[in-house]
Amino acid sequence: ALLMYVTSGYFNVYEQYLFSAHMMAHMLLTMGVPLLLVPGAPVTLLARTARNRKDDSRGVREWVLWAVHTKYAQFIAHPLVAAILFASSLIVFYFTPLFSWATREHIGHQWMIVHFVITGYLFVQALIGVDPGPVRLGYPQRLMLLIATLAFHAFFGLAVMNGQTLLLADWFGAMGRTWGEAPLQDQQTGGAIAWGIGEIPTAVLTLIVAMNWARSDQREAKRLDRASDRTGNQDLAEYNEWLERINKGK
């Protein structure tokens, strides 16, 4: 529903005129939509519900499972690669001709939507994903990755918010609209959105990672307790015997 609203509602209309509307759409596509999509485990759900073909042909299930297991998919799904793609997309998109292409051309606009959703999905999947991935980082590493990405995100937002040069000046600065904020002021508002509002999903991600970490520790503690009950505290007994032998040796 959020994806449909962003691509068909208010933001889809006004992002052609207001940089701030475009930036809000960007934040929702790259962080809001993936944050709602990833916990639903779409690949696992499809694998369990789609019909499994028995005639050696390929349907939706077979094609999706093939795609996610290709070397290319495994590479871009690696947590470090996913984080680099997620963070670098901000610079590469807004400070290269890609921004102009996505603004002026319909195919460029559609590419932008797909790119933002996929890079956001890969990053969120690496942090809190349920679907299987090529590598699972430990929870401390996930938090470090998230904090590093958060810092880069904040740097980009502050740079745009304090910038005095209009991005895509021959578009936003040349349309001559008489309503809303002036183009440069609106761009600075967009930077504030990237810095401020864009950090809300990041804070939610941090909370989820921390909660999952705590639950993982609880499960590990229970597993060790069960193992200890089965062995009758054998490890502790062996440790005490070792200490006793050392004392006797003295």
Protein backbone atom coordinates (compact mmCIF):
# COMPACT_ATOMS: atom_id res chain seq x y z
CA ALA A 1 0.00 0.00 0.00
CA LEU A 2 2.84 2.40 0.84
CA LEU A 3 4.62 1.62 -2.43
CA MET A 4 1.42 2.23 -4.39
CA TYR A 5 0.80 5.54 -2.61
CA VAL A 6 4.34 6.81 -3.17
CA THR A 7 4.33 5.88 -6.86
CA SER A 8 0.73 6.88 -7.63
CA GLY A 9 -0.26 9.54 -5.09
CA TYR A 10 0.83 12.98 -3.95
CA PHE A 11 4.58 12.42 -4.15
CA ASN A 12 4.44 11.03 -7.68
CA VAL A 13 2.77 14.26 -8.85
CA TYR A 14 4.70 16.90 -6.92
CA GLU A 15 8.19 15.40 -7.06
CA GLN A 16 8.41 16.79 -10.60
CA TYR A 17 8.07 20.30 -9.16
CA LEU A 18 9.38 20.12 -5.59
CA PHE A 19 12.73 18.64 -4.62
CA SER A 20 11.39 18.20 -1.09
CA ALA A 21 8.56 15.98 -2.37
CA HIS A 22 11.07 13.99 -4.39
CA MET A 23 13.30 13.48 -1.35
CA MET A 24 10.38 12.34 0.79
CA ALA A 25 9.46 9.82 -1.91
CA HIS A 26 13.10 8.67 -1.98
CA MET A 27 13.18 8.12 1.78
CA LEU A 28 9.93 6.16 1.73
CA LEU A 29 11.00 4.00 -1.23
CA THR A 30 14.46 3.18 0.06
CA MET A 31 13.64 2.82 3.78
CA GLY A 32 9.91 2.82 4.48
CA VAL A 33 8.85 0.21 1.92
CA PRO A 34 11.73 -2.23 2.65
CA LEU A 35 11.17 -1.90 6.40
CA LEU A 36 7.62 -3.17 5.89
CA LEU A 37 8.51 -5.70 3.17
CA VAL A 38 11.51 -7.53 4.67
CA PRO A 39 9.83 -8.88 7.86
CA GLY A 40 7.24 -10.54 5.63
CA ALA A 41 9.99 -12.74 4.09
CA PRO A 42 8.67 -12.46 0.51
CA VAL A 43 11.07 -15.03 -0.99
CA THR A 44 10.30 -17.63 1.69
CA LEU A 45 6.58 -16.91 1.37
CA LEU A 46 6.66 -17.37 -2.39
CA ALA A 47 8.71 -20.57 -2.13
CA ARG A 48 6.16 -22.06 0.26
CA THR A 49 2.98 -20.96 -1.49
CA ALA A 50 3.73 -20.97 -5.23
CA ARG A 51 3.07 -24.18 -7.10
CA ASN A 52 6.12 -26.38 -7.54
CA ARG A 53 6.26 -27.55 -11.16
CA LYS A 54 6.93 -31.24 -11.78
CA ASP A 55 7.48 -31.17 -15.55
CA ASP A 56 10.98 -29.61 -15.60
CA SER A 57 9.54 -26.28 -16.74
CA ARG A 58 10.00 -23.05 -14.81
CA GLY A 59 7.22 -21.05 -13.24
CA VAL A 60 7.35 -18.03 -10.96
CA ARG A 61 8.69 -20.07 -8.04
CA GLU A 62 11.49 -21.64 -10.06
CA TRP A 63 12.57 -18.37 -11.68
CA VAL A 64 12.64 -16.46 -8.39
CA LEU A 65 14.61 -19.19 -6.59
CA TRP A 66 17.03 -19.37 -9.52
CA ALA A 67 17.48 -15.59 -9.50
CA VAL A 68 18.20 -15.28 -5.77
CA HIS A 69 20.79 -18.07 -5.94
CA THR A 70 22.81 -16.65 -8.84
CA LYS A 71 26.34 -15.46 -8.08
CA TYR A 72 25.34 -11.88 -8.90
CA ALA A 73 22.43 -11.94 -6.45
CA GLN A 74 24.60 -13.53 -3.78
CA PHE A 75 27.23 -10.83 -4.31
CA ILE A 76 24.92 -7.80 -4.04
CA ALA A 77 23.11 -9.42 -1.09
CA HIS A 78 26.32 -9.58 0.95
CA PRO A 79 25.84 -7.19 3.91
CA LEU A 80 28.90 -5.07 3.14
CA VAL A 81 28.03 -4.78 -0.55
CA ALA A 82 24.40 -4.02 0.27
CA ALA A 83 25.47 -1.26 2.68
CA ILE A 84 27.84 0.27 0.11
CA LEU A 85 25.13 0.22 -2.56
CA PHE A 86 22.63 1.75 -0.15
CA ALA A 87 24.92 4.59 0.96
CA SER A 88 26.69 5.34 -2.32
CA SER A 89 23.40 5.54 -4.22
CA LEU A 90 22.78 8.92 -2.60
CA ILE A 91 25.94 10.46 -4.04
CA VAL A 92 25.93 8.62 -7.37
CA PHE A 93 22.29 9.41 -8.09
CA TYR A 94 22.07 13.08 -7.09
CA PHE A 95 25.48 14.27 -8.28
CA THR A 96 25.55 12.58 -11.69
CA PRO A 97 23.33 12.80 -14.81
CA LEU A 98 21.19 9.98 -13.36
CA PHE A 99 19.11 12.54 -11.44
CA SER A 100 18.36 14.46 -14.64
CA TRP A 101 17.51 11.25 -16.51
CA ALA A 102 15.16 10.06 -13.77
CA THR A 103 13.45 13.47 -13.66
CA ARG A 104 13.01 14.03 -17.39
CA GLU A 105 12.42 10.53 -18.75
CA HIS A 106 9.66 8.10 -17.79
CA ILE A 107 11.94 5.05 -18.11
CA GLY A 108 14.48 6.82 -15.90
CA HIS A 109 11.81 7.49 -13.30
CA GLN A 110 10.78 3.82 -13.29
CA TRP A 111 14.42 2.74 -12.99
CA MET A 112 14.80 5.08 -10.01
CA ILE A 113 11.84 3.49 -8.21
CA VAL A 114 13.11 -0.05 -8.78
CA HIS A 115 16.67 0.88 -7.80
CA PHE A 116 15.69 2.60 -4.55
CA VAL A 117 13.41 -0.24 -3.48
CA ILE A 118 15.95 -2.97 -4.30
CA THR A 119 18.93 -1.27 -2.62
CA GLY A 120 16.79 -0.52 0.43
CA TYR A 121 15.50 -4.09 0.52
CA LEU A 122 19.01 -5.56 0.32
CA PHE A 123 20.24 -3.34 3.16
CA VAL A 124 17.29 -4.01 5.47
CA GLN A 125 17.43 -7.72 4.60
CA ALA A 126 21.09 -7.81 5.69
CA LEU A 127 20.13 -6.36 9.08
CA ILE A 128 16.80 -7.95 10.05
CA GLY A 129 15.97 -10.29 7.18
CA VAL A 130 14.11 -13.56 7.60
CA ASP A 131 14.83 -14.81 4.07
CA PRO A 132 18.09 -16.77 3.74
CA GLY A 133 21.13 -14.76 2.69
CA PRO A 134 24.72 -15.49 1.64
CA VAL A 135 26.27 -14.18 4.89
CA ARG A 136 24.81 -13.40 8.31
CA LEU A 137 26.77 -10.86 10.30
CA GLY A 138 26.80 -11.02 14.07
CA TYR A 139 24.62 -8.51 15.87
CA PRO A 140 27.52 -6.26 16.93
CA GLN A 141 28.67 -6.08 13.30
CA ARG A 142 25.13 -5.29 12.17
CA LEU A 143 24.91 -2.37 14.57
CA MET A 144 28.31 -1.07 13.46
CA LEU A 145 27.22 -1.30 9.82
CA LEU A 146 23.98 0.51 10.61
CA ILE A 147 25.75 3.29 12.52
CA ALA A 148 28.25 3.81 9.70
CA THR A 149 25.45 4.04 7.15
CA LEU A 150 23.52 6.38 9.43
CA ALA A 151 26.53 8.71 9.61
CA PHE A 152 26.86 8.76 5.82
CA HIS A 153 23.14 9.43 5.47
CA ALA A 154 23.34 12.34 7.91
CA PHE A 155 26.36 13.77 6.08
CA PHE A 156 24.48 13.73 2.78
CA GLY A 157 21.39 15.35 4.31
CA LEU A 158 23.44 18.12 5.95
CA ALA A 159 25.37 18.74 2.72
CA VAL A 160 22.14 19.24 0.75
CA MET A 161 20.53 21.26 3.55
CA ASN A 162 23.46 23.68 3.74
CA GLY A 163 24.24 23.73 0.02
CA GLN A 164 23.96 26.99 -1.92
CA THR A 165 24.02 25.45 -5.41
CA LEU A 166 20.75 24.29 -6.91
CA LEU A 167 20.74 20.68 -8.08
CA LEU A 168 19.24 20.30 -11.54
CA ALA A 169 18.99 24.07 -11.85
CA ASP A 170 17.80 23.90 -15.47
CA TRP A 171 14.75 21.99 -14.23
CA PHE A 172 13.76 23.11 -10.73
CA GLY A 173 15.09 26.63 -11.24
CA ALA A 174 13.66 27.18 -14.72
CA MET A 175 10.02 26.11 -14.40
CA GLY A 176 8.94 29.50 -13.08
CA ARG A 177 6.42 28.26 -10.54
CA THR A 178 4.87 30.96 -8.37
CA TRP A 179 3.74 28.77 -5.47
CA GLY A 180 5.61 27.03 -2.68
CA GLU A 181 9.13 27.72 -1.47
CA ALA A 182 11.83 29.11 -3.71
CA PRO A 183 13.78 26.32 -5.48
CA LEU A 184 16.93 26.58 -3.34
CA GLN A 185 14.94 26.85 -0.11
CA ASP A 186 12.86 23.85 -1.16
CA GLN A 187 16.05 21.90 -1.90
CA GLN A 188 17.33 22.72 1.58
CA THR A 189 14.04 21.46 2.98
CA GLY A 190 14.68 18.25 1.06
CA GLY A 191 18.08 17.99 2.72
CA ALA A 192 16.43 18.38 6.12
CA ILE A 193 14.04 15.57 5.20
CA ALA A 194 16.95 13.32 4.25
CA TRP A 195 18.75 14.15 7.48
CA GLY A 196 15.84 14.26 9.93
CA ILE A 197 12.86 12.26 8.73
CA GLY A 198 15.12 9.80 6.93
CA GLU A 199 16.69 8.85 10.25
CA ILE A 200 13.38 7.67 11.73
CA PRO A 201 13.41 4.32 9.87
CA THR A 202 17.09 4.00 10.82
CA ALA A 203 16.21 4.40 14.49
CA VAL A 204 13.51 1.74 14.08
CA LEU A 205 16.06 -0.57 12.46
CA THR A 206 18.49 0.01 15.32
CA LEU A 207 15.79 -0.88 17.84
CA ILE A 208 14.84 -4.06 15.95
CA VAL A 209 18.48 -5.20 15.67
CA ALA A 210 19.01 -4.58 19.40
CA MET A 211 15.84 -6.50 20.28
CA ASN A 212 16.81 -9.41 18.03
CA TRP A 213 20.26 -9.43 19.64
CA ALA A 214 18.74 -9.64 23.13
CA ARG A 215 16.41 -12.46 22.05
CA SER A 216 19.30 -14.32 20.46
CA ASP A 217 21.27 -14.10 23.71
CA GLN A 218 18.26 -15.38 25.65
CA ARG A 219 17.86 -18.34 23.30
CA GLU A 220 21.57 -19.15 23.58
CA ALA A 221 21.40 -18.98 27.39
CA LYS A 222 18.42 -21.35 27.42
CA ARG A 223 20.22 -23.73 25.06
CA LEU A 224 23.25 -23.81 27.34
CA ASP A 225 21.03 -24.40 30.36
CA ARG A 226 19.35 -27.35 28.65
CA ALA A 227 22.71 -28.77 27.64
CA SER A 228 23.95 -28.37 31.21
CA ASP A 229 20.87 -30.16 32.55
CA ARG A 230 21.43 -33.07 30.16
CA THR A 231 25.10 -33.49 31.07
CA GLY A 232 24.62 -32.88 34.78
CA ASN A 233 26.91 -29.83 34.82
CA GLN A 234 29.73 -31.96 33.43
CA ASP A 235 31.69 -28.94 32.24
CA LEU A 236 31.60 -27.41 35.71
CA ALA A 237 32.61 -30.72 37.30
CA GLU A 238 35.55 -31.09 34.91
CA TYR A 239 36.63 -27.53 35.65
CA ASN A 240 36.51 -28.19 39.42
CA GLU A 241 38.52 -31.39 38.98
CA TRP A 242 41.11 -29.45 37.00
CA LEU A 243 41.41 -26.87 39.81
CA GLU A 244 41.70 -29.68 42.36
CA ARG A 245 44.55 -31.31 40.42
CA ILE A 246 46.37 -27.99 40.28
CA ASN A 247 46.03 -27.55 44.05
CA LYS A 248 47.31 -31.08 44.67
CA GLY A 249 50.25 -30.40 42.40
CA LYS A 250 51.19 -27.46 44.58
